[in-house]
């Protein structure tokens, strides 16, 4: 009977319902009932699958929103890190520029100090020659040395240890010339 019903069109089924006997109508009714149950079961399964898909879609959207929020947060953090890095680089560059300027200034000051030191050494050498000028004898040399020690000894207020060393060296040279 199922094959016969399937073979008929909707119009044919209507004719069969109107003109069919009790047995055929009962078969059609059973077929329609079983077909209705099958369709309801499929509809129920489809509704369940649709509900699952909707739940998955909501979960997916929620996850995507979380990911998008996290992505935006990370992008903002990256932007802040980049700005912070750029500021640090700017500070470092300025610091290196300042160090280079200070280095050049220090080298310039060193050259001036070296020139001043050389000039002072020349002046000190001239002064030491002047200090011992006229000390022709060994006794005069010793007396002049003692007088200079009193004046330039580092413990004195006007003392100068460097000048004192130069006086000692010069005295050693001059006193050695009297020995022989």
C-alpha atoms as a PDB file:
ATOM      1  CA  UNK A   1       0.000   0.000   0.000  1.00  0.00           C
ATOM      2  CA  UNK A   2       2.894   2.393   0.824  1.00  0.00           C
ATOM      3  CA  UNK A   3       4.120   2.092  -2.729  1.00  0.00           C
ATOM      4  CA  UNK A   4       0.671   2.820  -4.118  1.00  0.00           C
ATOM      5  CA  UNK A   5       0.284   5.937  -1.970  1.00  0.00           C
ATOM      6  CA  UNK A   6       3.724   7.158  -2.902  1.00  0.00           C
ATOM      7  CA  UNK A   7       2.807   6.715  -6.528  1.00  0.00           C
ATOM      8  CA  UNK A   8      -0.193   8.916  -6.239  1.00  0.00           C
ATOM      9  CA  UNK A   9      -0.173  12.628  -6.308  1.00  0.00           C
ATOM     10  CA  UNK A  10      -1.943  14.747  -3.698  1.00  0.00           C
ATOM     11  CA  UNK A  11      -4.960  14.840  -5.994  1.00  0.00           C
ATOM     12  CA  UNK A  12      -4.879  11.064  -6.294  1.00  0.00           C
ATOM     13  CA  UNK A  13      -4.767  10.653  -2.537  1.00  0.00           C
ATOM     14  CA  UNK A  14      -7.775  12.901  -2.175  1.00  0.00           C
ATOM     15  CA  UNK A  15      -9.676  10.731  -4.667  1.00  0.00           C
ATOM     16  CA  UNK A  16      -8.591   7.600  -2.841  1.00  0.00           C
ATOM     17  CA  UNK A  17      -9.840   9.074   0.461  1.00  0.00           C
ATOM     18  CA  UNK A  18     -13.207   9.939  -1.053  1.00  0.00           C
ATOM     19  CA  UNK A  19     -13.735   6.720  -2.986  1.00  0.00           C
ATOM     20  CA  UNK A  20     -11.593   4.250  -1.066  1.00  0.00           C
ATOM     21  CA  UNK A  21     -12.868   1.428   1.063  1.00  0.00           C
ATOM     22  CA  UNK A  22     -12.429   1.123   4.783  1.00  0.00           C
ATOM     23  CA  UNK A  23      -9.285  -1.049   4.516  1.00  0.00           C
ATOM     24  CA  UNK A  24      -7.527   1.422   2.182  1.00  0.00           C
ATOM     25  CA  UNK A  25      -8.558   4.355   4.325  1.00  0.00           C
ATOM     26  CA  UNK A  26      -7.253   2.606   7.422  1.00  0.00           C
ATOM     27  CA  UNK A  27      -3.931   1.928   5.660  1.00  0.00           C
ATOM     28  CA  UNK A  28      -3.739   5.568   4.596  1.00  0.00           C
ATOM     29  CA  UNK A  29      -4.581   6.677   8.130  1.00  0.00           C
ATOM     30  CA  UNK A  30      -1.876   4.428   9.628  1.00  0.00           C
ATOM     31  CA  UNK A  31       0.608   5.583   7.043  1.00  0.00           C
ATOM     32  CA  UNK A  32      -0.210   9.222   7.693  1.00  0.00           C
ATOM     33  CA  UNK A  33      -0.039   8.655  11.465  1.00  0.00           C
ATOM     34  CA  UNK A  34       3.360   6.916  11.242  1.00  0.00           C
ATOM     35  CA  UNK A  35       4.537   9.560   8.783  1.00  0.00           C
ATOM     36  CA  UNK A  36       3.300  12.283  11.145  1.00  0.00           C
ATOM     37  CA  UNK A  37       5.115  10.643  14.103  1.00  0.00           C
ATOM     38  CA  UNK A  38       8.292  10.312  12.043  1.00  0.00           C
ATOM     39  CA  UNK A  39       8.064  13.936  10.944  1.00  0.00           C
ATOM     40  CA  UNK A  40       7.383  15.114  14.514  1.00  0.00           C
ATOM     41  CA  UNK A  41      10.396  13.124  15.702  1.00  0.00           C
ATOM     42  CA  UNK A  42      12.541  14.627  12.938  1.00  0.00           C
ATOM     43  CA  UNK A  43      11.173  18.073  13.759  1.00  0.00           C
ATOM     44  CA  UNK A  44      11.995  17.499  17.444  1.00  0.00           C
ATOM     45  CA  UNK A  45      15.544  16.394  16.495  1.00  0.00           C
ATOM     46  CA  UNK A  46      15.878  19.406  14.214  1.00  0.00           C
ATOM     47  CA  UNK A  47      14.643  21.693  17.008  1.00  0.00           C
ATOM     48  CA  UNK A  48      17.193  20.162  19.374  1.00  0.00           C
ATOM     49  CA  UNK A  49      19.947  20.573  16.786  1.00  0.00           C
ATOM     50  CA  UNK A  50      18.822  24.133  16.137  1.00  0.00           C
ATOM     51  CA  UNK A  51      18.898  24.863  19.875  1.00  0.00           C
ATOM     52  CA  UNK A  52      22.386  23.360  20.091  1.00  0.00           C
ATOM     53  CA  UNK A  53      23.502  25.397  17.097  1.00  0.00           C
ATOM     54  CA  UNK A  54      22.030  28.543  18.629  1.00  0.00           C
ATOM     55  CA  UNK A  55      23.827  27.792  21.909  1.00  0.00           C
ATOM     56  CA  UNK A  56      27.071  27.146  20.014  1.00  0.00           C
ATOM     57  CA  UNK A  57      26.547  30.368  18.074  1.00  0.00           C
ATOM     58  CA  UNK A  58      26.014  32.331  21.322  1.00  0.00           C
ATOM     59  CA  UNK A  59      29.092  30.687  22.856  1.00  0.00           C
ATOM     60  CA  UNK A  60      31.085  31.390  19.720  1.00  0.00           C
ATOM     61  CA  UNK A  61      29.971  35.026  19.706  1.00  0.00           C
ATOM     62  CA  UNK A  62      30.800  35.317  23.400  1.00  0.00           C
ATOM     63  CA  UNK A  63      34.230  33.812  22.788  1.00  0.00           C
ATOM     64  CA  UNK A  64      34.773  36.096  19.797  1.00  0.00           C
ATOM     65  CA  UNK A  65      33.757  39.110  21.888  1.00  0.00           C
ATOM     66  CA  UNK A  66      36.178  38.048  24.623  1.00  0.00           C
ATOM     67  CA  UNK A  67      38.921  37.514  22.051  1.00  0.00           C
ATOM     68  CA  UNK A  68      38.180  40.870  20.441  1.00  0.00           C
ATOM     69  CA  UNK A  69      38.243  42.573  23.854  1.00  0.00           C
ATOM     70  CA  UNK A  70      41.503  40.846  24.753  1.00  0.00           C
ATOM     71  CA  UNK A  71      42.932  41.747  21.339  1.00  0.00           C
ATOM     72  CA  UNK A  72      41.992  45.403  21.804  1.00  0.00           C
ATOM     73  CA  UNK A  73      43.468  45.365  25.319  1.00  0.00           C
ATOM     74  CA  UNK A  74      46.693  43.848  24.014  1.00  0.00           C
ATOM     75  CA  UNK A  75      46.816  46.358  21.157  1.00  0.00           C
ATOM     76  CA  UNK A  76      46.369  49.198  23.652  1.00  0.00           C
ATOM     77  CA  UNK A  77      49.074  47.703  25.882  1.00  0.00           C
ATOM     78  CA  UNK A  78      51.357  47.363  22.850  1.00  0.00           C
ATOM     79  CA  UNK A  79      50.684  50.984  21.906  1.00  0.00           C
ATOM     80  CA  UNK A  80      51.492  52.089  25.468  1.00  0.00           C
ATOM     81  CA  UNK A  81      54.630  49.939  25.482  1.00  0.00           C
ATOM     82  CA  UNK A  82      55.676  51.452  22.164  1.00  0.00           C
ATOM     83  CA  UNK A  83      55.145  54.977  23.489  1.00  0.00           C
ATOM     84  CA  UNK A  84      57.063  54.102  26.660  1.00  0.00           C
ATOM     85  CA  UNK A  85      59.874  52.581  24.594  1.00  0.00           C
ATOM     86  CA  UNK A  86      59.973  55.651  22.349  1.00  0.00           C
ATOM     87  CA  UNK A  87      60.166  57.900  25.417  1.00  0.00           C
ATOM     88  CA  UNK A  88      62.978  55.799  26.859  1.00  0.00           C
ATOM     89  CA  UNK A  89      64.830  55.908  23.543  1.00  0.00           C
ATOM     90  CA  UNK A  90      64.391  59.682  23.383  1.00  0.00           C
ATOM     91  CA  UNK A  91      65.725  60.020  26.932  1.00  0.00           C
ATOM     92  CA  UNK A  92      68.653  57.718  26.121  1.00  0.00           C
ATOM     93  CA  UNK A  93      69.460  59.630  22.929  1.00  0.00           C
ATOM     94  CA  UNK A  94      69.307  62.934  24.785  1.00  0.00           C
ATOM     95  CA  UNK A  95      71.478  61.420  27.515  1.00  0.00           C
ATOM     96  CA  UNK A  96      74.047  60.201  24.997  1.00  0.00           C
ATOM     97  CA  UNK A  97      74.021  63.583  23.267  1.00  0.00           C
ATOM     98  CA  UNK A  98      74.538  65.284  26.631  1.00  0.00           C
ATOM     99  CA  UNK A  99      77.329  62.828  27.485  1.00  0.00           C
ATOM    100  CA  UNK A 100      79.035  63.534  24.158  1.00  0.00           C
ATOM    101  CA  UNK A 101      78.752  67.272  24.761  1.00  0.00           C
ATOM    102  CA  UNK A 102      80.098  66.838  28.286  1.00  0.00           C
ATOM    103  CA  UNK A 103      82.910  64.652  26.945  1.00  0.00           C
ATOM    104  CA  UNK A 104      83.882  67.291  24.380  1.00  0.00           C
ATOM    105  CA  UNK A 105      83.697  69.984  27.058  1.00  0.00           C
ATOM    106  CA  UNK A 106      85.797  67.847  29.405  1.00  0.00           C
ATOM    107  CA  UNK A 107      88.401  67.221  26.709  1.00  0.00           C
ATOM    108  CA  UNK A 108      88.545  70.938  26.007  1.00  0.00           C
ATOM    109  CA  UNK A 109      88.937  71.682  29.704  1.00  0.00           C
ATOM    110  CA  UNK A 110      91.633  68.994  29.976  1.00  0.00           C
ATOM    111  CA  UNK A 111      93.572  70.545  27.138  1.00  0.00           C
ATOM    112  CA  UNK A 112      93.282  73.937  28.849  1.00  0.00           C
ATOM    113  CA  UNK A 113      94.328  72.409  32.162  1.00  0.00           C
ATOM    114  CA  UNK A 114      97.255  70.595  30.521  1.00  0.00           C
ATOM    115  CA  UNK A 115      98.336  73.855  28.921  1.00  0.00           C
ATOM    116  CA  UNK A 116      97.925  75.670  32.248  1.00  0.00           C
ATOM    117  CA  UNK A 117      99.871  72.909  34.018  1.00  0.00           C
ATOM    118  CA  UNK A 118     102.672  73.104  31.488  1.00  0.00           C
ATOM    119  CA  UNK A 119     102.771  76.863  31.919  1.00  0.00           C
ATOM    120  CA  UNK A 120     102.716  76.503  35.708  1.00  0.00           C
ATOM    121  CA  UNK A 121     105.513  73.910  35.564  1.00  0.00           C
ATOM    122  CA  UNK A 122     107.595  76.288  33.449  1.00  0.00           C
ATOM    123  CA  UNK A 123     106.869  79.109  35.863  1.00  0.00           C
ATOM    124  CA  UNK A 124     107.677  76.876  38.838  1.00  0.00           C
ATOM    125  CA  UNK A 125     110.932  75.769  37.229  1.00  0.00           C
ATOM    126  CA  UNK A 126     111.824  79.418  36.654  1.00  0.00           C
ATOM    127  CA  UNK A 127     110.819  80.202  40.249  1.00  0.00           C
ATOM    128  CA  UNK A 128     112.931  77.364  41.615  1.00  0.00           C
ATOM    129  CA  UNK A 129     115.907  78.546  39.608  1.00  0.00           C
ATOM    130  CA  UNK A 130     115.205  81.985  41.038  1.00  0.00           C
ATOM    131  CA  UNK A 131     114.887  80.577  44.595  1.00  0.00           C
ATOM    132  CA  UNK A 132     118.367  79.081  44.475  1.00  0.00           C
ATOM    133  CA  UNK A 133     119.955  81.921  42.499  1.00  0.00           C
ATOM    134  CA  UNK A 134     122.886  83.411  44.348  1.00  0.00           C
ATOM    135  CA  UNK A 135     123.440  80.372  46.618  1.00  0.00           C
ATOM    136  CA  UNK A 136     127.035  79.834  45.572  1.00  0.00           C
ATOM    137  CA  UNK A 137     128.285  77.814  48.503  1.00  0.00           C
ATOM    138  CA  UNK A 138     127.061  74.685  50.158  1.00  0.00           C
ATOM    139  CA  UNK A 139     126.175  76.543  53.371  1.00  0.00           C
ATOM    140  CA  UNK A 140     124.275  79.226  51.452  1.00  0.00           C
ATOM    141  CA  UNK A 141     122.438  76.449  49.589  1.00  0.00           C
ATOM    142  CA  UNK A 142     121.442  74.709  52.872  1.00  0.00           C
ATOM    143  CA  UNK A 143     120.275  77.988  54.416  1.00  0.00           C
ATOM    144  CA  UNK A 144     118.220  78.846  51.324  1.00  0.00           C
ATOM    145  CA  UNK A 145     116.728  75.319  51.355  1.00  0.00           C
ATOM    146  CA  UNK A 146     115.722  75.607  55.042  1.00  0.00           C
ATOM    147  CA  UNK A 147     114.161  79.024  54.428  1.00  0.00           C
ATOM    148  CA  UNK A 148     112.214  77.690  51.455  1.00  0.00           C
ATOM    149  CA  UNK A 149     111.069  74.703  53.546  1.00  0.00           C
ATOM    150  CA  UNK A 150     109.705  77.026  56.185  1.00  0.00           C
ATOM    151  CA  UNK A 151     107.744  78.960  53.580  1.00  0.00           C
ATOM    152  CA  UNK A 152     106.453  76.200  51.257  1.00  0.00           C
ATOM    153  CA  UNK A 153     106.146  73.182  53.564  1.00  0.00           C
ATOM    154  CA  UNK A 154     102.697  71.549  53.048  1.00  0.00           C
ATOM    155  CA  UNK A 155     101.877  71.901  56.759  1.00  0.00           C
ATOM    156  CA  UNK A 156     102.057  75.696  56.452  1.00  0.00           C
ATOM    157  CA  UNK A 157      99.130  77.810  55.432  1.00  0.00           C
ATOM    158  CA  UNK A 158     100.814  78.888  52.205  1.00  0.00           C
ATOM    159  CA  UNK A 159     102.372  75.447  51.664  1.00  0.00           C
ATOM    160  CA  UNK A 160     102.436  73.665  48.334  1.00  0.00           C
ATOM    161  CA  UNK A 161     103.384  69.989  48.188  1.00  0.00           C
ATOM    162  CA  UNK A 162     104.085  69.996  44.460  1.00  0.00           C
ATOM    163  CA  UNK A 163     106.326  73.014  44.691  1.00  0.00           C
ATOM    164  CA  UNK A 164     107.987  71.439  47.723  1.00  0.00           C
ATOM    165  CA  UNK A 165     108.773  68.317  45.687  1.00  0.00           C
ATOM    166  CA  UNK A 166     110.275  70.437  42.943  1.00  0.00           C
ATOM    167  CA  UNK A 167     112.403  72.309  45.533  1.00  0.00           C
ATOM    168  CA  UNK A 168     113.602  68.980  46.965  1.00  0.00           C
ATOM    169  CA  UNK A 169     114.570  67.715  43.506  1.00  0.00           C
ATOM    170  CA  UNK A 170     116.418  70.917  42.667  1.00  0.00           C
ATOM    171  CA  UNK A 171     118.147  70.916  46.055  1.00  0.00           C
ATOM    172  CA  UNK A 172     119.239  67.313  45.494  1.00  0.00           C
ATOM    173  CA  UNK A 173     120.716  68.248  42.128  1.00  0.00           C
ATOM    174  CA  UNK A 174     122.494  71.306  43.433  1.00  0.00           C
ATOM    175  CA  UNK A 175     123.788  69.709  46.655  1.00  0.00           C
ATOM    176  CA  UNK A 176     125.147  66.798  44.606  1.00  0.00           C
ATOM    177  CA  UNK A 177     127.199  69.222  42.565  1.00  0.00           C
ATOM    178  CA  UNK A 178     128.955  70.497  45.749  1.00  0.00           C
ATOM    179  CA  UNK A 179     129.874  67.013  46.955  1.00  0.00           C
ATOM    180  CA  UNK A 180     132.311  66.161  44.216  1.00  0.00           C
END
